[in-house]
PDB file of N, CA and C in Angstrom:
ATOM      1  N   MET A   1      23.549 -15.609  40.161  1.00  0.00           N
ATOM      2  CA  MET A   1      23.521 -13.915  40.208  1.00  0.00           C
ATOM      3  C   MET A   1      24.423 -13.590  39.109  1.00  0.00           C
ATOM      4  N   VAL A   2      25.571 -14.026  38.793  1.00  0.00           N
ATOM      5  CA  VAL A   2      26.585 -13.441  37.783  1.00  0.00           C
ATOM      6  C   VAL A   2      25.630 -13.448  36.452  1.00  0.00           C
ATOM      7  N   GLU A   3      24.929 -14.627  36.293  1.00  0.00           N
ATOM      8  CA  GLU A   3      24.395 -14.440  35.160  1.00  0.00           C
ATOM      9  C   GLU A   3      22.908 -13.101  34.999  1.00  0.00           C
ATOM     10  N   PHE A   4      22.793 -13.249  36.147  1.00  0.00           N
ATOM     11  CA  PHE A   4      21.440 -12.186  36.723  1.00  0.00           C
ATOM     12  C   PHE A   4      22.475 -10.741  35.906  1.00  0.00           C
ATOM     13  N   ALA A   5      22.954 -10.696  36.822  1.00  0.00           N
ATOM     14  CA  ALA A   5      23.679  -9.412  36.549  1.00  0.00           C
ATOM     15  C   ALA A   5      24.157  -8.978  35.195  1.00  0.00           C
ATOM     16  N   LEU A   6      24.255  -9.712  34.615  1.00  0.00           N
ATOM     17  CA  LEU A   6      24.838  -9.868  32.596  1.00  0.00           C
ATOM     18  C   LEU A   6      23.206  -9.720  32.151  1.00  0.00           C
ATOM     19  N   MET A   7      22.488 -10.007  32.661  1.00  0.00           N
ATOM     20  CA  MET A   7      21.394  -9.806  31.441  1.00  0.00           C
ATOM     21  C   MET A   7      20.022  -9.263  31.879  1.00  0.00           C
ATOM     22  N   LEU A   8      20.404  -8.621  32.749  1.00  0.00           N
ATOM     23  CA  LEU A   8      19.017  -7.262  33.560  1.00  0.00           C
ATOM     24  C   LEU A   8      19.477  -6.382  32.254  1.00  0.00           C
ATOM     25  N   PRO A   9      20.673  -6.190  32.562  1.00  0.00           N
ATOM     26  CA  PRO A   9      20.753  -4.571  31.597  1.00  0.00           C
ATOM     27  C   PRO A   9      20.330  -4.951  30.118  1.00  0.00           C
ATOM     28  N   LEU A  10      20.280  -6.524  29.629  1.00  0.00           N
ATOM     29  CA  LEU A  10      19.964  -6.585  28.219  1.00  0.00           C
ATOM     30  C   LEU A  10      18.090  -6.828  28.121  1.00  0.00           C
ATOM     31  N   PHE A  11      17.713  -7.166  29.216  1.00  0.00           N
ATOM     32  CA  PHE A  11      16.736  -7.593  29.397  1.00  0.00           C
ATOM     33  C   PHE A  11      15.765  -5.928  29.206  1.00  0.00           C
ATOM     34  N   LEU A  12      16.154  -5.205  30.220  1.00  0.00           N
ATOM     35  CA  LEU A  12      15.879  -3.899  30.059  1.00  0.00           C
ATOM     36  C   LEU A  12      15.899  -2.706  29.393  1.00  0.00           C
ATOM     37  N   GLY A  13      16.545  -3.008  28.344  1.00  0.00           N
ATOM     38  CA  GLY A  13      16.588  -2.121  27.096  1.00  0.00           C
ATOM     39  C   GLY A  13      16.108  -3.113  26.340  1.00  0.00           C
ATOM     40  N   MET A  14      15.372  -4.784  26.139  1.00  0.00           N
ATOM     41  CA  MET A  14      14.508  -4.972  25.184  1.00  0.00           C
ATOM     42  C   MET A  14      13.006  -4.242  25.648  1.00  0.00           C
ATOM     43  N   LEU A  15      12.581  -4.282  26.799  1.00  0.00           N
ATOM     44  CA  LEU A  15      11.723  -3.785  27.725  1.00  0.00           C
ATOM     45  C   LEU A  15      11.155  -2.420  27.265  1.00  0.00           C
ATOM     46  N   LEU A  16      12.629  -1.453  27.387  1.00  0.00           N
ATOM     47  CA  LEU A  16      11.968  -0.002  26.795  1.00  0.00           C
ATOM     48  C   LEU A  16      11.765   0.015  25.369  1.00  0.00           C
ATOM     49  N   CYS A  17      13.006  -0.846  24.743  1.00  0.00           N
ATOM     50  CA  CYS A  17      12.293  -0.967  22.671  1.00  0.00           C
ATOM     51  C   CYS A  17      11.040  -1.086  22.953  1.00  0.00           C
ATOM     52  N   VAL A  18      10.481  -1.997  23.449  1.00  0.00           N
ATOM     53  CA  VAL A  18       9.510  -2.695  23.489  1.00  0.00           C
ATOM     54  C   VAL A  18       8.434  -1.246  23.539  1.00  0.00           C
ATOM     55  N   PHE A  19       8.501  -0.871  25.310  1.00  0.00           N
ATOM     56  CA  PHE A  19       7.770   0.811  24.973  1.00  0.00           C
ATOM     57  C   PHE A  19       7.177   1.297  24.593  1.00  0.00           C
ATOM     58  N   GLU A  20       9.056   1.742  23.731  1.00  0.00           N
ATOM     59  CA  GLU A  20       8.931   3.002  22.536  1.00  0.00           C
ATOM     60  C   GLU A  20       8.120   2.515  21.785  1.00  0.00           C
ATOM     61  N   THR A  21       8.512   1.655  21.222  1.00  0.00           N
ATOM     62  CA  THR A  21       7.645   0.544  19.744  1.00  0.00           C
ATOM     63  C   THR A  21       6.396   1.035  20.426  1.00  0.00           C
ATOM     64  N   GLY A  22       5.365   0.909  20.997  1.00  0.00           N
ATOM     65  CA  GLY A  22       3.988   0.786  21.463  1.00  0.00           C
ATOM     66  C   GLY A  22       3.918   2.845  21.397  1.00  0.00           C
ATOM     67  N   ARG A  23       4.935   3.346  22.250  1.00  0.00           N
ATOM     68  CA  ARG A  23       4.470   4.935  22.277  1.00  0.00           C
ATOM     69  C   ARG A  23       4.463   5.307  20.114  1.00  0.00           C
ATOM     70  N   PHE A  24       5.503   4.696  19.941  1.00  0.00           N
ATOM     71  CA  PHE A  24       5.209   5.086  18.552  1.00  0.00           C
ATOM     72  C   PHE A  24       4.171   4.862  17.784  1.00  0.00           C
ATOM     73  N   MET A  25       3.317   3.585  17.997  1.00  0.00           N
ATOM     74  CA  MET A  25       2.636   2.933  17.044  1.00  0.00           C
ATOM     75  C   MET A  25       1.441   3.554  17.668  1.00  0.00           C
ATOM     76  N   ALA A  26       1.587   4.628  19.133  1.00  0.00           N
ATOM     77  CA  ALA A  26       0.167   4.839  19.449  1.00  0.00           C
ATOM     78  C   ALA A  26       0.348   6.477  18.777  1.00  0.00           C
ATOM     79  N   VAL A  27       1.007   7.213  18.809  1.00  0.00           N
ATOM     80  CA  VAL A  27       1.337   8.318  17.603  1.00  0.00           C
ATOM     81  C   VAL A  27       0.854   8.414  16.411  1.00  0.00           C
ATOM     82  N   TYR A  28       1.497   7.011  15.836  1.00  0.00           N
ATOM     83  CA  TYR A  28       1.547   6.887  14.528  1.00  0.00           C
ATOM     84  C   TYR A  28      -0.653   6.732  14.326  1.00  0.00           C
ATOM     85  N   GLY A  29      -0.946   5.963  15.213  1.00  0.00           N
ATOM     86  CA  GLY A  29      -2.167   5.761  14.647  1.00  0.00           C
ATOM     87  C   GLY A  29      -2.933   7.047  15.445  1.00  0.00           C
ATOM     88  N   GLY A  30      -2.260   7.942  16.573  1.00  0.00           N
ATOM     89  CA  GLY A  30      -3.436   9.274  16.955  1.00  0.00           C
ATOM     90  C   GLY A  30      -3.318  10.249  15.673  1.00  0.00           C
ATOM     91  N   ILE A  31      -2.015   9.884  14.742  1.00  0.00           N
ATOM     92  CA  ILE A  31      -1.761  11.453  13.341  1.00  0.00           C
ATOM     93  C   ILE A  31      -3.314  10.761  12.096  1.00  0.00           C
ATOM     94  N   SER A  32      -3.140   9.684  12.143  1.00  0.00           N
ATOM     95  CA  SER A  32      -3.660   8.702  11.554  1.00  0.00           C
ATOM     96  C   SER A  32      -5.431   9.374  11.877  1.00  0.00           C
ATOM     97  N   ASN A  33      -5.666   9.057  13.051  1.00  0.00           N
ATOM     98  CA  ASN A  33      -6.900   9.185  13.158  1.00  0.00           C
ATOM     99  C   ASN A  33      -7.842  10.913  13.429  1.00  0.00           C
ATOM    100  N   GLY A  34      -6.537  11.860  13.484  1.00  0.00           N
ATOM    101  CA  GLY A  34      -6.704  13.222  13.544  1.00  0.00           C
ATOM    102  C   GLY A  34      -6.903  13.929  11.923  1.00  0.00           C
ATOM    103  N   VAL A  35      -6.193  12.983  11.331  1.00  0.00           N
ATOM    104  CA  VAL A  35      -6.104  13.291  10.045  1.00  0.00           C
ATOM    105  C   VAL A  35      -7.437  13.170   9.301  1.00  0.00           C
ATOM    106  N   ARG A  36      -7.979  11.302   9.556  1.00  0.00           N
ATOM    107  CA  ARG A  36      -9.376  10.745   9.301  1.00  0.00           C
ATOM    108  C   ARG A  36     -10.500  11.786   9.739  1.00  0.00           C
ATOM    109  N   ALA A  37      -9.875  12.521  10.893  1.00  0.00           N
ATOM    110  CA  ALA A  37     -11.341  13.516  11.387  1.00  0.00           C
ATOM    111  C   ALA A  37     -11.593  14.574  11.184  1.00  0.00           C
ATOM    112  N   GLY A  38     -10.296  15.597  10.810  1.00  0.00           N
ATOM    113  CA  GLY A  38      -9.855  16.415   9.621  1.00  0.00           C
ATOM    114  C   GLY A  38     -11.118  16.223   8.496  1.00  0.00           C
ATOM    115  N   ALA A  39     -10.697  15.683   7.955  1.00  0.00           N
ATOM    116  CA  ALA A  39     -11.113  14.877   6.474  1.00  0.00           C
ATOM    117  C   ALA A  39     -12.745  14.949   6.354  1.00  0.00           C
ATOM    118  N   ARG A  40     -13.539  14.593   7.597  1.00  0.00           N
ATOM    119  CA  ARG A  40     -14.247  14.314   7.909  1.00  0.00           C
ATOM    120  C   ARG A  40     -15.162  15.575   8.056  1.00  0.00           C
ATOM    121  N   VAL A  41     -14.389  16.477   8.549  1.00  0.00           N
ATOM    122  CA  VAL A  41     -14.871  17.929   9.001  1.00  0.00           C
ATOM    123  C   VAL A  41     -14.865  18.816   7.964  1.00  0.00           C
ATOM    124  N   ALA A  42     -13.754  18.550   6.817  1.00  0.00           N
ATOM    125  CA  ALA A  42     -13.545  19.278   5.850  1.00  0.00           C
ATOM    126  C   ALA A  42     -14.822  18.799   4.593  1.00  0.00           C
ATOM    127  N   THR A  43     -15.543  17.703   4.877  1.00  0.00           N
ATOM    128  CA  THR A  43     -16.589  17.598   4.185  1.00  0.00           C
ATOM    129  C   THR A  43     -17.373  18.130   3.701  1.00  0.00           C
ATOM    130  N   ILE A  44     -17.553  19.021   4.821  1.00  0.00           N
ATOM    131  CA  ILE A  44     -18.684  20.179   4.971  1.00  0.00           C
ATOM    132  C   ILE A  44     -18.249  21.236   4.462  1.00  0.00           C
ATOM    133  N   ALA A  45     -18.593  22.074   2.973  1.00  0.00           N
ATOM    134  CA  ALA A  45     -18.238  22.954   2.548  1.00  0.00           C
ATOM    135  C   ALA A  45     -18.043  24.308   3.060  1.00  0.00           C
ATOM    136  N   SER A  46     -18.907  24.134   4.218  1.00  0.00           N
ATOM    137  CA  SER A  46     -18.909  25.534   4.932  1.00  0.00           C
ATOM    138  C   SER A  46     -18.088  25.505   6.101  1.00  0.00           C
ATOM    139  N   SER A  47     -17.383  24.258   6.369  1.00  0.00           N
ATOM    140  CA  SER A  47     -16.152  24.365   7.314  1.00  0.00           C
ATOM    141  C   SER A  47     -15.125  25.355   7.347  1.00  0.00           C
ATOM    142  N   THR A  48     -14.411  25.557   8.329  1.00  0.00           N
ATOM    143  CA  THR A  48     -13.127  26.771   8.241  1.00  0.00           C
ATOM    144  C   THR A  48     -12.103  26.121   8.305  1.00  0.00           C
ATOM    145  N   ASP A  49     -10.604  26.223   7.950  1.00  0.00           N
ATOM    146  CA  ASP A  49      -9.937  25.788   8.156  1.00  0.00           C
ATOM    147  C   ASP A  49      -9.711  25.809   9.840  1.00  0.00           C
ATOM    148  N   ASP A  50      -9.589  26.364  10.720  1.00  0.00           N
ATOM    149  CA  ASP A  50      -9.369  26.924  11.855  1.00  0.00           C
ATOM    150  C   ASP A  50     -10.568  25.127  12.988  1.00  0.00           C
ATOM    151  N   GLN A  51     -11.590  24.999  12.035  1.00  0.00           N
ATOM    152  CA  GLN A  51     -12.354  23.585  12.509  1.00  0.00           C
ATOM    153  C   GLN A  51     -12.292  22.493  11.970  1.00  0.00           C
ATOM    154  N   ILE A  52     -11.346  22.301  10.473  1.00  0.00           N
ATOM    155  CA  ILE A  52     -10.586  21.256  10.284  1.00  0.00           C
ATOM    156  C   ILE A  52      -9.158  21.205  11.471  1.00  0.00           C
ATOM    157  N   LYS A  53      -8.869  22.494  11.561  1.00  0.00           N
ATOM    158  CA  LYS A  53      -7.226  21.901  12.629  1.00  0.00           C
ATOM    159  C   LYS A  53      -8.012  21.413  14.077  1.00  0.00           C
ATOM    160  N   ASP A  54      -8.569  22.063  14.342  1.00  0.00           N
ATOM    161  CA  ASP A  54      -9.559  21.574  15.792  1.00  0.00           C
ATOM    162  C   ASP A  54      -9.641  20.322  15.769  1.00  0.00           C
ATOM    163  N   ALA A  55      -9.932  19.669  14.783  1.00  0.00           N
ATOM    164  CA  ALA A  55     -10.772  17.991  14.615  1.00  0.00           C
ATOM    165  C   ALA A  55      -9.264  17.330  14.614  1.00  0.00           C
ATOM    166  N   VAL A  56      -8.236  17.757  13.660  1.00  0.00           N
ATOM    167  CA  VAL A  56      -7.340  17.048  13.625  1.00  0.00           C
ATOM    168  C   VAL A  56      -6.359  16.729  14.962  1.00  0.00           C
ATOM    169  N   VAL A  57      -6.371  18.253  15.778  1.00  0.00           N
ATOM    170  CA  VAL A  57      -5.699  18.084  17.159  1.00  0.00           C
ATOM    171  C   VAL A  57      -6.193  17.247  18.112  1.00  0.00           C
ATOM    172  N   ALA A  58      -7.756  17.287  18.282  1.00  0.00           N
ATOM    173  CA  ALA A  58      -8.708  16.455  19.051  1.00  0.00           C
ATOM    174  C   ALA A  58      -8.573  15.092  19.073  1.00  0.00           C
ATOM    175  N   ALA A  59      -8.253  14.463  17.996  1.00  0.00           N
ATOM    176  CA  ALA A  59      -8.156  13.509  17.718  1.00  0.00           C
ATOM    177  C   ALA A  59      -7.177  12.196  18.067  1.00  0.00           C
ATOM    178  N   MET A  60      -5.904  13.650  18.276  1.00  0.00           N
ATOM    179  CA  MET A  60      -4.703  13.111  18.520  1.00  0.00           C
ATOM    180  C   MET A  60      -4.484  12.909  19.955  1.00  0.00           C
ATOM    181  N   ILE A  61      -3.298  11.442  20.278  1.00  0.00           N
ATOM    182  CA  ILE A  61      -2.675  11.333  21.520  1.00  0.00           C
ATOM    183  C   ILE A  61      -1.318  11.507  21.586  1.00  0.00           C
ATOM    184  N   LEU A  62      -0.749  11.167  22.855  1.00  0.00           N
ATOM    185  CA  LEU A  62       0.590  11.869  23.105  1.00  0.00           C
ATOM    186  C   LEU A  62       1.469  12.026  21.691  1.00  0.00           C
ATOM    187  N   THR A  63       1.230  13.664  21.871  1.00  0.00           N
ATOM    188  CA  THR A  63       1.649  14.324  20.747  1.00  0.00           C
ATOM    189  C   THR A  63       1.479  15.779  20.771  1.00  0.00           C
ATOM    190  N   ASN A  64       2.751  16.545  20.781  1.00  0.00           N
ATOM    191  CA  ASN A  64       2.535  17.933  21.132  1.00  0.00           C
ATOM    192  C   ASN A  64       1.770  18.929  20.211  1.00  0.00           C
ATOM    193  N   THR A  65       0.540  18.902  20.455  1.00  0.00           N
ATOM    194  CA  THR A  65      -0.272  19.632  19.528  1.00  0.00           C
ATOM    195  C   THR A  65      -0.313  20.862  18.984  1.00  0.00           C
ATOM    196  N   ALA A  66       0.701  21.971  19.821  1.00  0.00           N
ATOM    197  CA  ALA A  66       1.191  22.930  19.043  1.00  0.00           C
ATOM    198  C   ALA A  66       1.608  22.657  17.618  1.00  0.00           C
ATOM    199  N   THR A  67       2.955  21.879  17.251  1.00  0.00           N
ATOM    200  CA  THR A  67       3.517  21.206  17.099  1.00  0.00           C
ATOM    201  C   THR A  67       2.584  20.761  15.839  1.00  0.00           C
ATOM    202  N   VAL A  68       1.580  20.029  15.672  1.00  0.00           N
ATOM    203  CA  VAL A  68       0.685  19.252  14.751  1.00  0.00           C
ATOM    204  C   VAL A  68       0.329  20.287  14.377  1.00  0.00           C
ATOM    205  N   ARG A  69      -0.659  20.569  15.239  1.00  0.00           N
ATOM    206  CA  ARG A  69      -1.645  22.400  14.722  1.00  0.00           C
ATOM    207  C   ARG A  69      -1.240  22.847  13.475  1.00  0.00           C
ATOM    208  N   SER A  70       0.333  22.830  14.083  1.00  0.00           N
ATOM    209  CA  SER A  70       0.600  24.185  12.765  1.00  0.00           C
ATOM    210  C   SER A  70       1.723  23.462  11.745  1.00  0.00           C
ATOM    211  N   SER A  71       1.813  21.979  11.307  1.00  0.00           N
ATOM    212  CA  SER A  71       1.772  21.204  10.419  1.00  0.00           C
ATOM    213  C   SER A  71       0.654  20.769   9.743  1.00  0.00           C
ATOM    214  N   VAL A  72      -0.736  20.970  10.108  1.00  0.00           N
ATOM    215  CA  VAL A  72      -1.807  20.653   8.847  1.00  0.00           C
ATOM    216  C   VAL A  72      -1.956  21.443   8.101  1.00  0.00           C
ATOM    217  N   THR A  73      -2.156  20.771   6.913  1.00  0.00           N
ATOM    218  CA  THR A  73      -2.404  21.492   5.462  1.00  0.00           C
ATOM    219  C   THR A  73      -3.677  21.221   4.624  1.00  0.00           C
ATOM    220  N   ILE A  74      -4.569  21.964   4.639  1.00  0.00           N
ATOM    221  CA  ILE A  74      -5.608  21.710   4.346  1.00  0.00           C
ATOM    222  C   ILE A  74      -5.220  22.212   2.538  1.00  0.00           C
ATOM    223  N   THR A  75      -5.444  21.372   1.035  1.00  0.00           N
ATOM    224  CA  THR A  75      -6.005  21.563   0.246  1.00  0.00           C
ATOM    225  C   THR A  75      -6.733  21.292  -0.540  1.00  0.00           C
ATOM    226  N   PRO A  76      -7.470  22.142  -1.102  1.00  0.00           N
ATOM    227  CA  PRO A  76      -7.194  23.252  -1.856  1.00  0.00           C
ATOM    228  C   PRO A  76      -7.935  24.053  -0.730  1.00  0.00           C
ATOM    229  N   ASN A  77      -7.868  25.287  -0.635  1.00  0.00           N
ATOM    230  CA  ASN A  77      -8.215  26.954   0.303  1.00  0.00           C
ATOM    231  C   ASN A  77      -9.600  26.903   0.300  1.00  0.00           C
ATOM    232  N   THR A  78     -10.109  26.613  -0.838  1.00  0.00           N
ATOM    233  CA  THR A  78     -11.576  26.708  -1.049  1.00  0.00           C
ATOM    234  C   THR A  78     -11.931  25.514  -1.399  1.00  0.00           C
ATOM    235  N   ARG A  79     -13.573  25.134  -0.532  1.00  0.00           N
ATOM    236  CA  ARG A  79     -13.964  23.446  -1.039  1.00  0.00           C
ATOM    237  C   ARG A  79     -15.294  23.778  -1.626  1.00  0.00           C
ATOM    238  N   VAL A  80     -15.212  23.492  -3.002  1.00  0.00           N
ATOM    239  CA  VAL A  80     -16.695  23.590  -3.739  1.00  0.00           C
ATOM    240  C   VAL A  80     -17.452  21.983  -3.772  1.00  0.00           C
ATOM    241  N   PRO A  81     -18.587  21.874  -3.220  1.00  0.00           N
ATOM    242  CA  PRO A  81     -19.639  21.029  -3.385  1.00  0.00           C
ATOM    243  C   PRO A  81     -19.413  19.783  -4.515  1.00  0.00           C
ATOM    244  N   ARG A  82     -18.606  18.523  -3.977  1.00  0.00           N
ATOM    245  CA  ARG A  82     -18.153  17.472  -5.113  1.00  0.00           C
ATOM    246  C   ARG A  82     -16.990  17.198  -5.629  1.00  0.00           C
ATOM    247  N   GLY A  83     -16.060  18.789  -4.672  1.00  0.00           N
ATOM    248  CA  GLY A  83     -14.756  18.416  -5.403  1.00  0.00           C
ATOM    249  C   GLY A  83     -13.939  18.001  -4.118  1.00  0.00           C
ATOM    250  N   SER A  84     -12.826  17.935  -4.620  1.00  0.00           N
ATOM    251  CA  SER A  84     -11.952  16.693  -3.206  1.00  0.00           C
ATOM    252  C   SER A  84     -11.304  17.719  -1.922  1.00  0.00           C
ATOM    253  N   VAL A  85     -11.058  17.700  -1.062  1.00  0.00           N
ATOM    254  CA  VAL A  85     -10.587  18.245  -0.427  1.00  0.00           C
ATOM    255  C   VAL A  85      -9.274  17.271   0.674  1.00  0.00           C
ATOM    256  N   THR A  86      -7.798  17.607   0.660  1.00  0.00           N
ATOM    257  CA  THR A  86      -6.736  16.872   1.184  1.00  0.00           C
ATOM    258  C   THR A  86      -6.601  17.196   2.887  1.00  0.00           C
ATOM    259  N   VAL A  87      -6.702  16.844   3.246  1.00  0.00           N
ATOM    260  CA  VAL A  87      -5.839  17.173   5.062  1.00  0.00           C
ATOM    261  C   VAL A  87      -4.942  16.133   5.296  1.00  0.00           C
ATOM    262  N   SER A  88      -3.481  17.397   5.175  1.00  0.00           N
ATOM    263  CA  SER A  88      -2.483  16.160   5.778  1.00  0.00           C
ATOM    264  C   SER A  88      -1.853  16.930   7.141  1.00  0.00           C
ATOM    265  N   ALA A  89      -0.636  15.925   7.534  1.00  0.00           N
ATOM    266  CA  ALA A  89       0.005  16.499   9.021  1.00  0.00           C
ATOM    267  C   ALA A  89       0.964  15.438   9.374  1.00  0.00           C
ATOM    268  N   SER A  90       1.749  15.833   9.472  1.00  0.00           N
ATOM    269  CA  SER A  90       3.252  15.534  10.035  1.00  0.00           C
ATOM    270  C   SER A  90       3.740  16.034  11.648  1.00  0.00           C
ATOM    271  N   TYR A  91       4.155  14.876  11.531  1.00  0.00           N
ATOM    272  CA  TYR A  91       5.005  15.230  13.174  1.00  0.00           C
ATOM    273  C   TYR A  91       6.059  14.320  13.856  1.00  0.00           C
ATOM    274  N   GLY A  92       7.094  15.261  14.310  1.00  0.00           N
ATOM    275  CA  GLY A  92       8.526  14.690  14.715  1.00  0.00           C
ATOM    276  C   GLY A  92       8.495  13.270  15.776  1.00  0.00           C
ATOM    277  N   PHE A  93       8.401  12.175  15.467  1.00  0.00           N
ATOM    278  CA  PHE A  93       8.524  11.458  16.595  1.00  0.00           C
ATOM    279  C   PHE A  93      10.041  10.998  16.915  1.00  0.00           C
ATOM    280  N   THR A  94       9.983  11.494  18.548  1.00  0.00           N
ATOM    281  CA  THR A  94      11.547  11.354  19.203  1.00  0.00           C
ATOM    282  C   THR A  94      11.467  10.261  19.884  1.00  0.00           C
ATOM    283  N   PHE A  95      12.226   9.846  20.018  1.00  0.00           N
ATOM    284  CA  PHE A  95      12.525   8.337  20.828  1.00  0.00           C
ATOM    285  C   PHE A  95      12.829   8.639  22.396  1.00  0.00           C
ATOM    286  N   ASN A  96      12.949   7.997  23.703  1.00  0.00           N
ATOM    287  CA  ASN A  96      13.181   8.348  24.521  1.00  0.00           C
ATOM    288  C   ASN A  96      14.519   8.423  24.667  1.00  0.00           C
ATOM    289  N   PRO A  97      14.947   9.428  25.263  1.00  0.00           N
ATOM    290  CA  PRO A  97      16.398   9.946  25.263  1.00  0.00           C
ATOM    291  C   PRO A  97      17.715   8.561  25.677  1.00  0.00           C
ATOM    292  N   LEU A  98      17.149   7.493  26.118  1.00  0.00           N
ATOM    293  CA  LEU A  98      17.346   6.218  26.341  1.00  0.00           C
ATOM    294  C   LEU A  98      18.325   6.001  25.356  1.00  0.00           C
ATOM    295  N   ILE A  99      17.138   5.708  24.447  1.00  0.00           N
ATOM    296  CA  ILE A  99      16.845   4.430  23.186  1.00  0.00           C
ATOM    297  C   ILE A  99      17.380   5.546  21.943  1.00  0.00           C
ATOM    298  N   HIS A 100      17.114   7.082  22.373  1.00  0.00           N
ATOM    299  CA  HIS A 100      17.571   7.945  20.838  1.00  0.00           C
ATOM    300  C   HIS A 100      19.177   7.684  20.971  1.00  0.00           C
ATOM    301  N   GLY A 101      19.871   6.979  22.034  1.00  0.00           N
ATOM    302  CA  GLY A 101      21.967   7.696  21.677  1.00  0.00           C
ATOM    303  C   GLY A 101      21.734   6.256  20.987  1.00  0.00           C
ATOM    304  N   MET A 102      21.035   5.349  21.365  1.00  0.00           N
ATOM    305  CA  MET A 102      21.307   4.049  20.845  1.00  0.00           C
ATOM    306  C   MET A 102      21.505   3.846  19.212  1.00  0.00           C
ATOM    307  N   ILE A 103      19.911   4.373  18.708  1.00  0.00           N
ATOM    308  CA  ILE A 103      19.759   4.216  17.358  1.00  0.00           C
ATOM    309  C   ILE A 103      19.959   5.100  16.759  1.00  0.00           C
ATOM    310  N   SER A 104      20.692   6.471  17.002  1.00  0.00           N
ATOM    311  CA  SER A 104      20.640   7.738  16.668  1.00  0.00           C
ATOM    312  C   SER A 104      21.986   7.245  15.263  1.00  0.00           C
ATOM    313  N   SER A 105      22.307   6.053  15.817  1.00  0.00           N
ATOM    314  CA  SER A 105      24.099   5.704  14.822  1.00  0.00           C
ATOM    315  C   SER A 105      23.406   4.849  13.733  1.00  0.00           C
ATOM    316  N   PHE A 106      21.742   4.785  13.748  1.00  0.00           N
ATOM    317  CA  PHE A 106      20.981   4.022  12.448  1.00  0.00           C
ATOM    318  C   PHE A 106      20.535   5.110  11.911  1.00  0.00           C
ATOM    319  N   GLY A 107      20.422   6.151  12.394  1.00  0.00           N
ATOM    320  CA  GLY A 107      19.842   7.255  11.587  1.00  0.00           C
ATOM    321  C   GLY A 107      18.681   7.314  11.622  1.00  0.00           C
ATOM    322  N   LEU A 108      18.193   6.872  12.868  1.00  0.00           N
ATOM    323  CA  LEU A 108      16.872   6.695  13.470  1.00  0.00           C
ATOM    324  C   LEU A 108      16.215   7.036  14.552  1.00  0.00           C
ATOM    325  N   GLY A 109      17.257   8.480  14.853  1.00  0.00           N
ATOM    326  CA  GLY A 109      16.781   9.360  15.923  1.00  0.00           C
ATOM    327  C   GLY A 109      15.525  10.092  16.111  1.00  0.00           C
ATOM    328  N   THR A 110      15.385  10.616  15.051  1.00  0.00           N
ATOM    329  CA  THR A 110      13.813  11.145  15.190  1.00  0.00           C
ATOM    330  C   THR A 110      13.106  10.710  13.923  1.00  0.00           C
ATOM    331  N   ILE A 111      11.284   9.950  13.735  1.00  0.00           N
ATOM    332  CA  ILE A 111      11.272   9.450  12.487  1.00  0.00           C
ATOM    333  C   ILE A 111      10.202  10.627  12.557  1.00  0.00           C
ATOM    334  N   THR A 112       9.903  11.245  10.763  1.00  0.00           N
ATOM    335  CA  THR A 112       8.561  12.039  10.858  1.00  0.00           C
ATOM    336  C   THR A 112       7.388  11.288  10.515  1.00  0.00           C
ATOM    337  N   ILE A 113       6.517  11.391  11.008  1.00  0.00           N
ATOM    338  CA  ILE A 113       4.969  10.494  10.775  1.00  0.00           C
ATOM    339  C   ILE A 113       3.855  11.791   9.926  1.00  0.00           C
ATOM    340  N   SER A 114       4.244  11.317   8.372  1.00  0.00           N
ATOM    341  CA  SER A 114       3.043  11.931   8.083  1.00  0.00           C
ATOM    342  C   SER A 114       1.549  11.523   7.395  1.00  0.00           C
ATOM    343  N   GLN A 115       1.190  12.191   7.515  1.00  0.00           N
ATOM    344  CA  GLN A 115      -0.707  11.523   7.043  1.00  0.00           C
ATOM    345  C   GLN A 115      -1.216  12.382   6.001  1.00  0.00           C
ATOM    346  N   SER A 116      -2.366  11.897   4.946  1.00  0.00           N
ATOM    347  CA  SER A 116      -2.929  12.402   4.703  1.00  0.00           C
ATOM    348  C   SER A 116      -4.366  11.553   3.998  1.00  0.00           C
ATOM    349  N   GLU A 117      -5.220  12.843   3.770  1.00  0.00           N
ATOM    350  CA  GLU A 117      -6.827  11.837   3.523  1.00  0.00           C
ATOM    351  C   GLU A 117      -7.133  13.131   2.735  1.00  0.00           C
ATOM    352  N   THR A 118      -7.715  11.821   1.413  1.00  0.00           N
ATOM    353  CA  THR A 118      -8.386  12.873   0.823  1.00  0.00           C
ATOM    354  C   THR A 118      -9.942  12.634   0.992  1.00  0.00           C
ATOM    355  N   ALA A 119     -10.974  13.283   0.611  1.00  0.00           N
ATOM    356  CA  ALA A 119     -12.089  12.725   1.120  1.00  0.00           C
ATOM    357  C   ALA A 119     -13.040  14.214   0.101  1.00  0.00           C
ATOM    358  N   THR A 120     -14.197  14.034  -0.626  1.00  0.00           N
ATOM    359  CA  THR A 120     -14.970  14.720  -1.035  1.00  0.00           C
ATOM    360  C   THR A 120     -16.247  15.347  -0.578  1.00  0.00           C
ATOM    361  N   VAL A 121     -15.815  16.678  -0.835  1.00  0.00           N
ATOM    362  CA  VAL A 121     -17.111  17.649  -0.460  1.00  0.00           C
ATOM    363  C   VAL A 121     -18.001  17.496  -0.627  1.00  0.00           C
ATOM    364  N   GLU A 122     -18.972  17.346   0.588  1.00  0.00           N
ATOM    365  CA  GLU A 122     -20.191  16.843   0.504  1.00  0.00           C
ATOM    366  C   GLU A 122     -21.209  18.481  -0.208  1.00  0.00           C
ATOM    367  N   GLY A 123     -22.499  18.255  -1.115  1.00  0.00           N
ATOM    368  CA  GLY A 123     -23.238  19.213  -2.132  1.00  0.00           C
ATOM    369  C   GLY A 123     -24.321  18.613  -2.503  1.00  0.00           C
ATOM    370  N   PRO A 124     -24.829  19.303  -3.656  1.00  0.00           N
ATOM    371  CA  PRO A 124     -26.426  18.689  -4.290  1.00  0.00           C
ATOM    372  C   PRO A 124     -26.218  18.370  -5.491  1.00  0.00           C
TER     373      PRO A 124
END
């Protein structure tokens, strides 16, 4: 029984770290997919910035969409056929409060995830 009492906190801590790593990877993948979806919409020369931002946000999971939407940047502002367009987004990932206290001493309390995708605008 003593061994169980000593190992239980360690086991639960490791299990929580595994869950948080999975959540981080899901958010990272969501940001990547969102930026890729936004770049696909941006390849249409007549698309607006709001349509591109909507596409980015619609493809994301487990994120605060208002925060991500405000971080989306589209360059250049005007899209010309056969020109390139870059869609970028970032999100500040914060770990679970139980883990946040443990890893903040290592400088890993909040991690900024940034992704960008460049595509060619369709045209004649």
